[in-house]
């Protein structure tokens, strides 16, 4: 509506050019200003509604929140109409390095939704799920805007191939303007944020599992056990062997319990972005599998010949990897 009214304003000024028609021209100008103010107010009200959105409204699986997807689509909509919005916000190059009105508003929208997401994440009783929720949502915003910019670049290429004269030259600058609004630097910062959340998730979700594979508290007992097995310390050595084997069995049982609890819980969590899901599972596997192989190689021989050894050494490294592959499968695109 603003676009059409602005176009008509020039026609009104041409048709009603005389002094006696000054009131008509003033009315047209006032209408344009009123529409601009209404558009500004709409953006401000929308940003306020994001801030006030209930923090308790969260998913149980850490999936992308409807607010995030709505705001992502809203920002893409703003970019499609950025030429008009620049006029509304009276954008011009001021040369002082400050943000223009539209850039400031879009930055404000993104900041508002990120702040809201931070509050929502704290509502999760499981800290790891809260981290996963943030990772999913920030990743969605980044990928959504990146896909938009790439689609504009594709349209530019197609338009150039169709016509080099440029009756549709606005497409030739649209993606660069979009990058100005949410540029490469912004995208890289948010991608680093996603990576930081992934690293934090590994530490919080898998820390106890990895602690079970630590040799701390086992090495001295194993030394005594080895001596006992060799028969070099008689009955004392044999007693040490029995004790250390029990400790190691307990450690294997603890690992099995922790691993199974984590996997059972997180099979019901969601990472809808397949690339993000695969990368996160790989990152966990790259830490967990070498640690398990090392633990198995070092302490497995003390358990493998005992009664019901499979009760303690339940998993091969391959079985662990296969189980990890079942995580976060909920809501994956078919």
C-alpha atoms as a PDB file:
ATOM      1  CA  UNK A   1       0.000   0.000   0.000  1.00  0.00           C
ATOM      2  CA  UNK A   2       2.833   2.381   0.846  1.00  0.00           C
ATOM      3  CA  UNK A   3       4.498   1.708  -2.517  1.00  0.00           C
ATOM      4  CA  UNK A   4       1.359   2.449  -4.491  1.00  0.00           C
ATOM      5  CA  UNK A   5       0.524   5.552  -2.451  1.00  0.00           C
ATOM      6  CA  UNK A   6       4.049   6.871  -2.943  1.00  0.00           C
ATOM      7  CA  UNK A   7       3.726   6.370  -6.697  1.00  0.00           C
ATOM      8  CA  UNK A   8       0.385   8.148  -6.716  1.00  0.00           C
ATOM      9  CA  UNK A   9       1.805  11.064  -4.751  1.00  0.00           C
ATOM     10  CA  UNK A  10       3.941  12.146  -7.695  1.00  0.00           C
ATOM     11  CA  UNK A  11       0.908  11.880  -9.957  1.00  0.00           C
ATOM     12  CA  UNK A  12      -1.164  13.941  -7.524  1.00  0.00           C
ATOM     13  CA  UNK A  13       1.519  16.620  -7.450  1.00  0.00           C
ATOM     14  CA  UNK A  14       1.572  16.698 -11.248  1.00  0.00           C
ATOM     15  CA  UNK A  15      -2.208  16.830 -11.651  1.00  0.00           C
ATOM     16  CA  UNK A  16      -2.800  19.269  -8.793  1.00  0.00           C
ATOM     17  CA  UNK A  17       0.131  21.553  -9.511  1.00  0.00           C
ATOM     18  CA  UNK A  18      -1.515  24.922  -8.981  1.00  0.00           C
ATOM     19  CA  UNK A  19      -1.522  26.991  -5.810  1.00  0.00           C
ATOM     20  CA  UNK A  20      -5.238  26.448  -5.459  1.00  0.00           C
ATOM     21  CA  UNK A  21      -4.583  22.680  -5.154  1.00  0.00           C
ATOM     22  CA  UNK A  22      -1.958  22.937  -2.421  1.00  0.00           C
ATOM     23  CA  UNK A  23      -4.307  21.285   0.070  1.00  0.00           C
ATOM     24  CA  UNK A  24      -4.642  18.240  -2.184  1.00  0.00           C
ATOM     25  CA  UNK A  25      -0.889  17.868  -2.407  1.00  0.00           C
ATOM     26  CA  UNK A  26      -0.579  18.277   1.354  1.00  0.00           C
ATOM     27  CA  UNK A  27      -3.192  15.559   1.927  1.00  0.00           C
ATOM     28  CA  UNK A  28      -1.296  13.153  -0.320  1.00  0.00           C
ATOM     29  CA  UNK A  29       1.954  13.880   1.498  1.00  0.00           C
ATOM     30  CA  UNK A  30       0.263  13.440   4.876  1.00  0.00           C
ATOM     31  CA  UNK A  31      -1.166  10.087   3.810  1.00  0.00           C
ATOM     32  CA  UNK A  32       2.295   8.830   2.829  1.00  0.00           C
ATOM     33  CA  UNK A  33       3.701   9.934   6.194  1.00  0.00           C
ATOM     34  CA  UNK A  34       0.829   8.264   8.065  1.00  0.00           C
ATOM     35  CA  UNK A  35       1.426   4.990   6.241  1.00  0.00           C
ATOM     36  CA  UNK A  36       5.136   5.196   7.036  1.00  0.00           C
ATOM     37  CA  UNK A  37       4.381   5.781  10.709  1.00  0.00           C
ATOM     38  CA  UNK A  38       1.949   2.853  10.712  1.00  0.00           C
ATOM     39  CA  UNK A  39       4.619   0.584   9.211  1.00  0.00           C
ATOM     40  CA  UNK A  40       7.157   1.682  11.822  1.00  0.00           C
ATOM     41  CA  UNK A  41       4.655   1.079  14.614  1.00  0.00           C
ATOM     42  CA  UNK A  42       3.901  -2.391  13.257  1.00  0.00           C
ATOM     43  CA  UNK A  43       7.584  -3.316  13.479  1.00  0.00           C
ATOM     44  CA  UNK A  44       7.929  -1.859  16.964  1.00  0.00           C
ATOM     45  CA  UNK A  45       4.810  -3.656  18.187  1.00  0.00           C
ATOM     46  CA  UNK A  46       6.013  -6.921  16.671  1.00  0.00           C
ATOM     47  CA  UNK A  47       9.362  -6.614  18.428  1.00  0.00           C
ATOM     48  CA  UNK A  48       7.582  -5.897  21.719  1.00  0.00           C
ATOM     49  CA  UNK A  49       5.388  -8.975  21.247  1.00  0.00           C
ATOM     50  CA  UNK A  50       8.516 -11.115  20.812  1.00  0.00           C
ATOM     51  CA  UNK A  51       9.976  -9.816  24.056  1.00  0.00           C
ATOM     52  CA  UNK A  52       6.711 -10.469  25.905  1.00  0.00           C
ATOM     53  CA  UNK A  53       6.129 -13.952  24.461  1.00  0.00           C
ATOM     54  CA  UNK A  54       5.720 -16.452  27.291  1.00  0.00           C
ATOM     55  CA  UNK A  55       9.039 -18.095  28.267  1.00  0.00           C
ATOM     56  CA  UNK A  56       7.174 -21.195  29.427  1.00  0.00           C
ATOM     57  CA  UNK A  57       5.989 -22.019  25.927  1.00  0.00           C
ATOM     58  CA  UNK A  58       8.726 -24.517  25.014  1.00  0.00           C
ATOM     59  CA  UNK A  59       8.843 -27.841  23.203  1.00  0.00           C
ATOM     60  CA  UNK A  60       9.616 -31.049  25.085  1.00  0.00           C
ATOM     61  CA  UNK A  61      12.186 -32.207  22.538  1.00  0.00           C
ATOM     62  CA  UNK A  62      14.265 -29.062  21.931  1.00  0.00           C
ATOM     63  CA  UNK A  63      12.843 -28.546  18.446  1.00  0.00           C
ATOM     64  CA  UNK A  64      12.745 -25.214  16.596  1.00  0.00           C
ATOM     65  CA  UNK A  65      10.182 -22.991  18.295  1.00  0.00           C
ATOM     66  CA  UNK A  66       7.262 -21.624  16.206  1.00  0.00           C
ATOM     67  CA  UNK A  67       8.304 -18.102  17.216  1.00  0.00           C
ATOM     68  CA  UNK A  68      11.724 -18.660  15.649  1.00  0.00           C
ATOM     69  CA  UNK A  69      10.335 -19.865  12.334  1.00  0.00           C
ATOM     70  CA  UNK A  70       7.808 -17.022  12.264  1.00  0.00           C
ATOM     71  CA  UNK A  71      10.438 -14.365  12.924  1.00  0.00           C
ATOM     72  CA  UNK A  72      12.746 -15.927  10.326  1.00  0.00           C
ATOM     73  CA  UNK A  73      10.017 -15.718   7.688  1.00  0.00           C
ATOM     74  CA  UNK A  74       9.138 -12.190   8.809  1.00  0.00           C
ATOM     75  CA  UNK A  75      12.726 -11.016   8.338  1.00  0.00           C
ATOM     76  CA  UNK A  76      12.838 -12.526   4.846  1.00  0.00           C
ATOM     77  CA  UNK A  77       9.602 -10.675   4.105  1.00  0.00           C
ATOM     78  CA  UNK A  78      11.199  -7.414   5.259  1.00  0.00           C
ATOM     79  CA  UNK A  79      14.172  -8.042   2.991  1.00  0.00           C
ATOM     80  CA  UNK A  80      11.866  -8.527   0.013  1.00  0.00           C
ATOM     81  CA  UNK A  81      10.462  -5.050   0.658  1.00  0.00           C
ATOM     82  CA  UNK A  82      13.633  -3.395   1.812  1.00  0.00           C
ATOM     83  CA  UNK A  83      13.530  -0.700  -0.896  1.00  0.00           C
ATOM     84  CA  UNK A  84      10.182   0.526   0.401  1.00  0.00           C
ATOM     85  CA  UNK A  85      11.267   0.130   4.008  1.00  0.00           C
ATOM     86  CA  UNK A  86      14.366   2.212   3.363  1.00  0.00           C
ATOM     87  CA  UNK A  87      12.103   5.031   2.267  1.00  0.00           C
ATOM     88  CA  UNK A  88       9.904   4.508   5.294  1.00  0.00           C
ATOM     89  CA  UNK A  89      12.889   4.728   7.599  1.00  0.00           C
ATOM     90  CA  UNK A  90      14.348   7.563   5.509  1.00  0.00           C
ATOM     91  CA  UNK A  91      17.542   5.631   4.952  1.00  0.00           C
ATOM     92  CA  UNK A  92      20.457   7.430   3.470  1.00  0.00           C
ATOM     93  CA  UNK A  93      24.185   7.129   3.679  1.00  0.00           C
ATOM     94  CA  UNK A  94      25.086   9.255   6.692  1.00  0.00           C
ATOM     95  CA  UNK A  95      28.775   8.393   6.580  1.00  0.00           C
ATOM     96  CA  UNK A  96      29.148   8.169  10.335  1.00  0.00           C
ATOM     97  CA  UNK A  97      29.089   4.388  10.571  1.00  0.00           C
ATOM     98  CA  UNK A  98      25.846   4.246  12.542  1.00  0.00           C
ATOM     99  CA  UNK A  99      23.170   1.743  11.696  1.00  0.00           C
ATOM    100  CA  UNK A 100      20.359   2.872   9.438  1.00  0.00           C
ATOM    101  CA  UNK A 101      16.764   2.580  10.591  1.00  0.00           C
ATOM    102  CA  UNK A 102      15.939  -0.659   8.778  1.00  0.00           C
ATOM    103  CA  UNK A 103      19.204  -2.376   9.728  1.00  0.00           C
ATOM    104  CA  UNK A 104      18.627  -1.331  13.326  1.00  0.00           C
ATOM    105  CA  UNK A 105      15.072  -2.688  13.307  1.00  0.00           C
ATOM    106  CA  UNK A 106      16.080  -6.056  11.846  1.00  0.00           C
ATOM    107  CA  UNK A 107      18.967  -6.306  14.308  1.00  0.00           C
ATOM    108  CA  UNK A 108      16.485  -5.486  17.052  1.00  0.00           C
ATOM    109  CA  UNK A 109      14.120  -8.248  15.928  1.00  0.00           C
ATOM    110  CA  UNK A 110      16.922 -10.818  15.900  1.00  0.00           C
ATOM    111  CA  UNK A 111      18.172  -9.666  19.293  1.00  0.00           C
ATOM    112  CA  UNK A 112      14.631  -9.860  20.699  1.00  0.00           C
ATOM    113  CA  UNK A 113      14.079 -13.426  19.538  1.00  0.00           C
ATOM    114  CA  UNK A 114      17.537 -14.519  20.740  1.00  0.00           C
ATOM    115  CA  UNK A 115      16.844 -12.983  24.157  1.00  0.00           C
ATOM    116  CA  UNK A 116      13.489 -14.751  24.298  1.00  0.00           C
ATOM    117  CA  UNK A 117      15.131 -18.047  23.326  1.00  0.00           C
ATOM    118  CA  UNK A 118      17.724 -17.651  26.091  1.00  0.00           C
ATOM    119  CA  UNK A 119      14.933 -17.265  28.640  1.00  0.00           C
ATOM    120  CA  UNK A 120      13.051 -20.248  27.216  1.00  0.00           C
ATOM    121  CA  UNK A 121      16.182 -22.420  27.322  1.00  0.00           C
ATOM    122  CA  UNK A 122      16.493 -21.815  31.062  1.00  0.00           C
ATOM    123  CA  UNK A 123      13.046 -23.341  31.599  1.00  0.00           C
ATOM    124  CA  UNK A 124      14.348 -26.806  30.717  1.00  0.00           C
ATOM    125  CA  UNK A 125      15.130 -28.959  33.733  1.00  0.00           C
ATOM    126  CA  UNK A 126      17.676 -30.862  31.642  1.00  0.00           C
ATOM    127  CA  UNK A 127      20.469 -28.384  30.964  1.00  0.00           C
ATOM    128  CA  UNK A 128      21.668 -30.346  27.934  1.00  0.00           C
ATOM    129  CA  UNK A 129      18.209 -30.112  26.352  1.00  0.00           C
ATOM    130  CA  UNK A 130      18.181 -26.357  26.902  1.00  0.00           C
ATOM    131  CA  UNK A 131      21.502 -26.105  25.084  1.00  0.00           C
ATOM    132  CA  UNK A 132      20.172 -28.272  22.254  1.00  0.00           C
ATOM    133  CA  UNK A 133      17.114 -26.007  22.017  1.00  0.00           C
ATOM    134  CA  UNK A 134      19.308 -22.919  21.603  1.00  0.00           C
ATOM    135  CA  UNK A 135      21.513 -24.673  19.058  1.00  0.00           C
ATOM    136  CA  UNK A 136      18.506 -25.751  16.969  1.00  0.00           C
ATOM    137  CA  UNK A 137      16.902 -22.324  16.984  1.00  0.00           C
ATOM    138  CA  UNK A 138      19.985 -20.224  16.248  1.00  0.00           C
ATOM    139  CA  UNK A 139      20.946 -22.680  13.523  1.00  0.00           C
ATOM    140  CA  UNK A 140      17.461 -22.333  12.010  1.00  0.00           C
ATOM    141  CA  UNK A 141      17.750 -18.537  11.843  1.00  0.00           C
ATOM    142  CA  UNK A 142      21.200 -18.697  10.245  1.00  0.00           C
ATOM    143  CA  UNK A 143      20.286 -21.337   7.659  1.00  0.00           C
ATOM    144  CA  UNK A 144      16.984 -19.655   6.856  1.00  0.00           C
ATOM    145  CA  UNK A 145      18.650 -16.337   6.065  1.00  0.00           C
ATOM    146  CA  UNK A 146      21.536 -18.002   4.204  1.00  0.00           C
ATOM    147  CA  UNK A 147      19.075 -19.910   2.018  1.00  0.00           C
ATOM    148  CA  UNK A 148      17.215 -16.676   1.331  1.00  0.00           C
ATOM    149  CA  UNK A 149      20.379 -14.881   0.232  1.00  0.00           C
ATOM    150  CA  UNK A 150      21.378 -17.823  -1.983  1.00  0.00           C
ATOM    151  CA  UNK A 151      17.933 -17.858  -3.596  1.00  0.00           C
ATOM    152  CA  UNK A 152      18.266 -14.145  -4.358  1.00  0.00           C
ATOM    153  CA  UNK A 153      21.707 -14.739  -5.856  1.00  0.00           C
ATOM    154  CA  UNK A 154      20.221 -17.463  -8.065  1.00  0.00           C
ATOM    155  CA  UNK A 155      17.482 -15.087  -9.175  1.00  0.00           C
ATOM    156  CA  UNK A 156      20.131 -12.488  -9.968  1.00  0.00           C
ATOM    157  CA  UNK A 157      22.004 -14.971 -12.149  1.00  0.00           C
ATOM    158  CA  UNK A 158      18.831 -15.917 -13.989  1.00  0.00           C
ATOM    159  CA  UNK A 159      17.868 -12.282 -14.499  1.00  0.00           C
ATOM    160  CA  UNK A 160      21.321 -11.457 -15.872  1.00  0.00           C
ATOM    161  CA  UNK A 161      21.074 -14.345 -18.315  1.00  0.00           C
ATOM    162  CA  UNK A 162      17.626 -13.165 -19.454  1.00  0.00           C
ATOM    163  CA  UNK A 163      18.382  -9.478 -19.762  1.00  0.00           C
ATOM    164  CA  UNK A 164      21.554  -7.475 -19.363  1.00  0.00           C
ATOM    165  CA  UNK A 165      19.778  -4.182 -20.021  1.00  0.00           C
ATOM    166  CA  UNK A 166      18.285  -4.186 -16.567  1.00  0.00           C
ATOM    167  CA  UNK A 167      14.628  -3.250 -16.459  1.00  0.00           C
ATOM    168  CA  UNK A 168      14.739  -5.376 -13.337  1.00  0.00           C
ATOM    169  CA  UNK A 169      18.036  -4.040 -12.028  1.00  0.00           C
ATOM    170  CA  UNK A 170      16.770  -4.064  -8.454  1.00  0.00           C
ATOM    171  CA  UNK A 171      17.527  -7.793  -8.347  1.00  0.00           C
ATOM    172  CA  UNK A 172      21.178  -7.099  -9.130  1.00  0.00           C
ATOM    173  CA  UNK A 173      21.715  -5.343  -5.826  1.00  0.00           C
ATOM    174  CA  UNK A 174      19.213  -7.199  -3.665  1.00  0.00           C
ATOM    175  CA  UNK A 175      21.498  -9.904  -2.306  1.00  0.00           C
ATOM    176  CA  UNK A 176      24.281  -7.433  -1.558  1.00  0.00           C
ATOM    177  CA  UNK A 177      21.747  -5.280   0.287  1.00  0.00           C
ATOM    178  CA  UNK A 178      20.494  -8.353   2.112  1.00  0.00           C
ATOM    179  CA  UNK A 179      24.068  -9.065   3.157  1.00  0.00           C
ATOM    180  CA  UNK A 180      24.316  -5.485   4.391  1.00  0.00           C
ATOM    181  CA  UNK A 181      21.279  -6.097   6.587  1.00  0.00           C
ATOM    182  CA  UNK A 182      22.497  -9.463   7.925  1.00  0.00           C
ATOM    183  CA  UNK A 183      25.955  -9.725   6.427  1.00  0.00           C
ATOM    184  CA  UNK A 184      28.604 -12.414   6.246  1.00  0.00           C
ATOM    185  CA  UNK A 185      30.041 -11.246   9.552  1.00  0.00           C
ATOM    186  CA  UNK A 186      26.670 -11.703  11.245  1.00  0.00           C
ATOM    187  CA  UNK A 187      26.270 -15.161   9.722  1.00  0.00           C
ATOM    188  CA  UNK A 188      29.773 -16.217  10.799  1.00  0.00           C
ATOM    189  CA  UNK A 189      29.199 -14.991  14.360  1.00  0.00           C
ATOM    190  CA  UNK A 190      25.965 -16.942  14.643  1.00  0.00           C
ATOM    191  CA  UNK A 191      27.566 -20.061  13.163  1.00  0.00           C
ATOM    192  CA  UNK A 192      30.252 -19.808  15.832  1.00  0.00           C
ATOM    193  CA  UNK A 193      27.477 -19.516  18.402  1.00  0.00           C
ATOM    194  CA  UNK A 194      25.941 -22.745  17.092  1.00  0.00           C
ATOM    195  CA  UNK A 195      29.350 -24.435  17.356  1.00  0.00           C
ATOM    196  CA  UNK A 196      29.781 -23.166  20.911  1.00  0.00           C
ATOM    197  CA  UNK A 197      26.405 -24.627  21.850  1.00  0.00           C
ATOM    198  CA  UNK A 198      27.433 -27.951  20.283  1.00  0.00           C
ATOM    199  CA  UNK A 199      30.657 -27.998  22.312  1.00  0.00           C
ATOM    200  CA  UNK A 200      28.783 -27.116  25.483  1.00  0.00           C
ATOM    201  CA  UNK A 201      26.230 -29.844  24.768  1.00  0.00           C
ATOM    202  CA  UNK A 202      28.994 -32.477  24.493  1.00  0.00           C
ATOM    203  CA  UNK A 203      30.459 -31.434  27.815  1.00  0.00           C
ATOM    204  CA  UNK A 204      27.151 -31.296  29.692  1.00  0.00           C
ATOM    205  CA  UNK A 205      25.398 -34.306  28.135  1.00  0.00           C
ATOM    206  CA  UNK A 206      28.342 -36.680  27.883  1.00  0.00           C
ATOM    207  CA  UNK A 207      30.639 -35.579  30.704  1.00  0.00           C
ATOM    208  CA  UNK A 208      29.518 -38.277  33.152  1.00  0.00           C
ATOM    209  CA  UNK A 209      29.749 -40.958  30.469  1.00  0.00           C
ATOM    210  CA  UNK A 210      33.309 -39.972  29.629  1.00  0.00           C
ATOM    211  CA  UNK A 211      34.234 -39.802  33.327  1.00  0.00           C
ATOM    212  CA  UNK A 212      33.486 -43.530  33.534  1.00  0.00           C
ATOM    213  CA  UNK A 213      36.229 -44.150  30.981  1.00  0.00           C
ATOM    214  CA  UNK A 214      38.869 -42.321  32.977  1.00  0.00           C
ATOM    215  CA  UNK A 215      41.726 -44.381  34.414  1.00  0.00           C
ATOM    216  CA  UNK A 216      41.731 -42.236  37.529  1.00  0.00           C
ATOM    217  CA  UNK A 217      41.364 -44.417  40.619  1.00  0.00           C
ATOM    218  CA  UNK A 218      42.036 -47.607  38.677  1.00  0.00           C
ATOM    219  CA  UNK A 219      45.723 -47.592  37.822  1.00  0.00           C
ATOM    220  CA  UNK A 220      47.092 -48.444  41.269  1.00  0.00           C
ATOM    221  CA  UNK A 221      44.555 -51.234  41.739  1.00  0.00           C
ATOM    222  CA  UNK A 222      45.343 -52.596  38.321  1.00  0.00           C
ATOM    223  CA  UNK A 223      49.030 -52.599  39.177  1.00  0.00           C
ATOM    224  CA  UNK A 224      48.342 -54.751  42.229  1.00  0.00           C
ATOM    225  CA  UNK A 225      46.050 -56.933  40.187  1.00  0.00           C
ATOM    226  CA  UNK A 226      48.698 -57.534  37.572  1.00  0.00           C
ATOM    227  CA  UNK A 227      51.176 -58.562  40.235  1.00  0.00           C
ATOM    228  CA  UNK A 228      48.614 -60.908  41.759  1.00  0.00           C
ATOM    229  CA  UNK A 229      47.850 -62.523  38.426  1.00  0.00           C
ATOM    230  CA  UNK A 230      51.561 -63.080  37.892  1.00  0.00           C
ATOM    231  CA  UNK A 231      51.724 -64.844  41.268  1.00  0.00           C
ATOM    232  CA  UNK A 232      54.595 -62.690  42.469  1.00  0.00           C
ATOM    233  CA  UNK A 233      52.957 -61.477  45.679  1.00  0.00           C
ATOM    234  CA  UNK A 234      51.172 -64.614  46.889  1.00  0.00           C
ATOM    235  CA  UNK A 235      47.860 -64.339  48.651  1.00  0.00           C
ATOM    236  CA  UNK A 236      48.066 -60.557  49.031  1.00  0.00           C
ATOM    237  CA  UNK A 237      48.454 -60.223  45.300  1.00  0.00           C
ATOM    238  CA  UNK A 238      45.492 -62.503  44.699  1.00  0.00           C
ATOM    239  CA  UNK A 239      43.337 -60.414  47.034  1.00  0.00           C
ATOM    240  CA  UNK A 240      44.393 -57.247  45.212  1.00  0.00           C
ATOM    241  CA  UNK A 241      43.480 -58.894  41.926  1.00  0.00           C
ATOM    242  CA  UNK A 242      39.986 -59.694  43.165  1.00  0.00           C
ATOM    243  CA  UNK A 243      39.498 -56.184  44.521  1.00  0.00           C
ATOM    244  CA  UNK A 244      40.715 -54.406  41.394  1.00  0.00           C
ATOM    245  CA  UNK A 245      38.632 -56.597  39.109  1.00  0.00           C
ATOM    246  CA  UNK A 246      35.556 -55.693  41.134  1.00  0.00           C
ATOM    247  CA  UNK A 247      36.371 -52.004  40.803  1.00  0.00           C
ATOM    248  CA  UNK A 248      36.797 -52.333  37.060  1.00  0.00           C
ATOM    249  CA  UNK A 249      33.573 -54.308  36.729  1.00  0.00           C
ATOM    250  CA  UNK A 250      31.816 -51.555  38.645  1.00  0.00           C
ATOM    251  CA  UNK A 251      33.287 -48.984  36.288  1.00  0.00           C
ATOM    252  CA  UNK A 252      32.061 -50.892  33.228  1.00  0.00           C
ATOM    253  CA  UNK A 253      28.597 -51.173  34.800  1.00  0.00           C
ATOM    254  CA  UNK A 254      28.603 -47.468  35.544  1.00  0.00           C
ATOM    255  CA  UNK A 255      29.544 -46.678  31.957  1.00  0.00           C
ATOM    256  CA  UNK A 256      26.799 -48.933  30.586  1.00  0.00           C
ATOM    257  CA  UNK A 257      24.214 -47.317  32.855  1.00  0.00           C
ATOM    258  CA  UNK A 258      25.236 -43.743  32.037  1.00  0.00           C
ATOM    259  CA  UNK A 259      25.468 -44.409  28.304  1.00  0.00           C
ATOM    260  CA  UNK A 260      22.076 -46.112  28.151  1.00  0.00           C
ATOM    261  CA  UNK A 261      20.362 -43.383  30.159  1.00  0.00           C
ATOM    262  CA  UNK A 262      21.731 -40.652  27.908  1.00  0.00           C
ATOM    263  CA  UNK A 263      20.786 -42.500  24.728  1.00  0.00           C
ATOM    264  CA  UNK A 264      17.318 -43.454  25.930  1.00  0.00           C
ATOM    265  CA  UNK A 265      16.591 -39.838  26.826  1.00  0.00           C
ATOM    266  CA  UNK A 266      18.059 -38.265  23.717  1.00  0.00           C
ATOM    267  CA  UNK A 267      16.390 -40.598  21.256  1.00  0.00           C
ATOM    268  CA  UNK A 268      13.291 -38.524  22.010  1.00  0.00           C
ATOM    269  CA  UNK A 269      15.053 -35.226  21.354  1.00  0.00           C
ATOM    270  CA  UNK A 270      14.913 -33.531  17.976  1.00  0.00           C
ATOM    271  CA  UNK A 271      17.462 -32.008  15.627  1.00  0.00           C
ATOM    272  CA  UNK A 272      15.406 -31.325  12.484  1.00  0.00           C
ATOM    273  CA  UNK A 273      18.417 -30.188  10.462  1.00  0.00           C
ATOM    274  CA  UNK A 274      20.014 -33.420   9.209  1.00  0.00           C
ATOM    275  CA  UNK A 275      23.410 -31.846   8.583  1.00  0.00           C
ATOM    276  CA  UNK A 276      23.539 -30.417  12.099  1.00  0.00           C
ATOM    277  CA  UNK A 277      22.390 -33.747  13.567  1.00  0.00           C
ATOM    278  CA  UNK A 278      24.994 -35.759  11.665  1.00  0.00           C
ATOM    279  CA  UNK A 279      27.768 -33.344  12.622  1.00  0.00           C
ATOM    280  CA  UNK A 280      26.818 -33.415  16.294  1.00  0.00           C
ATOM    281  CA  UNK A 281      26.679 -37.216  16.424  1.00  0.00           C
ATOM    282  CA  UNK A 282      30.059 -37.357  14.680  1.00  0.00           C
ATOM    283  CA  UNK A 283      31.519 -34.906  17.198  1.00  0.00           C
ATOM    284  CA  UNK A 284      30.307 -37.084  20.083  1.00  0.00           C
ATOM    285  CA  UNK A 285      31.614 -40.245  18.419  1.00  0.00           C
ATOM    286  CA  UNK A 286      35.041 -38.680  17.840  1.00  0.00           C
ATOM    287  CA  UNK A 287      35.380 -38.165  21.594  1.00  0.00           C
ATOM    288  CA  UNK A 288      33.568 -41.203  22.966  1.00  0.00           C
ATOM    289  CA  UNK A 289      34.788 -44.033  20.722  1.00  0.00           C
ATOM    290  CA  UNK A 290      38.563 -43.485  21.111  1.00  0.00           C
ATOM    291  CA  UNK A 291      38.117 -43.179  24.893  1.00  0.00           C
ATOM    292  CA  UNK A 292      36.097 -46.403  25.009  1.00  0.00           C
ATOM    293  CA  UNK A 293      38.541 -48.301  22.802  1.00  0.00           C
ATOM    294  CA  UNK A 294      41.410 -47.218  25.024  1.00  0.00           C
ATOM    295  CA  UNK A 295      39.545 -48.215  28.191  1.00  0.00           C
ATOM    296  CA  UNK A 296      38.539 -51.537  26.659  1.00  0.00           C
ATOM    297  CA  UNK A 297      42.086 -52.317  25.578  1.00  0.00           C
ATOM    298  CA  UNK A 298      43.605 -51.391  28.923  1.00  0.00           C
ATOM    299  CA  UNK A 299      41.111 -52.862  31.372  1.00  0.00           C
ATOM    300  CA  UNK A 300      39.100 -55.337  29.314  1.00  0.00           C
ATOM    301  CA  UNK A 301      41.562 -58.238  29.805  1.00  0.00           C
ATOM    302  CA  UNK A 302      40.947 -58.125  33.559  1.00  0.00           C
ATOM    303  CA  UNK A 303      37.225 -58.719  33.015  1.00  0.00           C
ATOM    304  CA  UNK A 304      36.854 -60.718  29.818  1.00  0.00           C
ATOM    305  CA  UNK A 305      37.709 -64.087  31.411  1.00  0.00           C
ATOM    306  CA  UNK A 306      35.508 -63.567  34.441  1.00  0.00           C
ATOM    307  CA  UNK A 307      32.041 -65.010  34.979  1.00  0.00           C
ATOM    308  CA  UNK A 308      29.360 -63.181  32.930  1.00  0.00           C
ATOM    309  CA  UNK A 309      31.950 -60.932  31.285  1.00  0.00           C
ATOM    310  CA  UNK A 310      29.383 -59.788  28.703  1.00  0.00           C
ATOM    311  CA  UNK A 311      27.322 -58.319  31.523  1.00  0.00           C
ATOM    312  CA  UNK A 312      30.060 -55.752  32.028  1.00  0.00           C
ATOM    313  CA  UNK A 313      31.563 -55.444  28.546  1.00  0.00           C
ATOM    314  CA  UNK A 314      28.167 -55.054  26.889  1.00  0.00           C
ATOM    315  CA  UNK A 315      29.250 -52.955  23.947  1.00  0.00           C
ATOM    316  CA  UNK A 316      31.762 -53.180  21.181  1.00  0.00           C
ATOM    317  CA  UNK A 317      32.916 -49.832  19.770  1.00  0.00           C
ATOM    318  CA  UNK A 318      30.866 -50.617  16.663  1.00  0.00           C
ATOM    319  CA  UNK A 319      27.741 -51.150  18.780  1.00  0.00           C
ATOM    320  CA  UNK A 320      28.289 -47.805  20.497  1.00  0.00           C
ATOM    321  CA  UNK A 321      28.598 -46.081  17.142  1.00  0.00           C
ATOM    322  CA  UNK A 322      25.415 -47.711  15.875  1.00  0.00           C
ATOM    323  CA  UNK A 323      23.508 -46.646  18.986  1.00  0.00           C
ATOM    324  CA  UNK A 324      24.727 -43.064  18.618  1.00  0.00           C
ATOM    325  CA  UNK A 325      23.329 -43.087  15.100  1.00  0.00           C
ATOM    326  CA  UNK A 326      19.817 -43.439  16.529  1.00  0.00           C
ATOM    327  CA  UNK A 327      19.968 -40.189  18.488  1.00  0.00           C
ATOM    328  CA  UNK A 328      17.868 -37.139  17.585  1.00  0.00           C
ATOM    329  CA  UNK A 329      15.993 -38.999  14.852  1.00  0.00           C
ATOM    330  CA  UNK A 330      12.669 -37.488  15.901  1.00  0.00           C
ATOM    331  CA  UNK A 331      11.201 -35.107  13.297  1.00  0.00           C
ATOM    332  CA  UNK A 332      13.932 -35.697  10.733  1.00  0.00           C
ATOM    333  CA  UNK A 333      12.666 -34.871   7.224  1.00  0.00           C
ATOM    334  CA  UNK A 334      11.749 -38.001   5.312  1.00  0.00           C
END
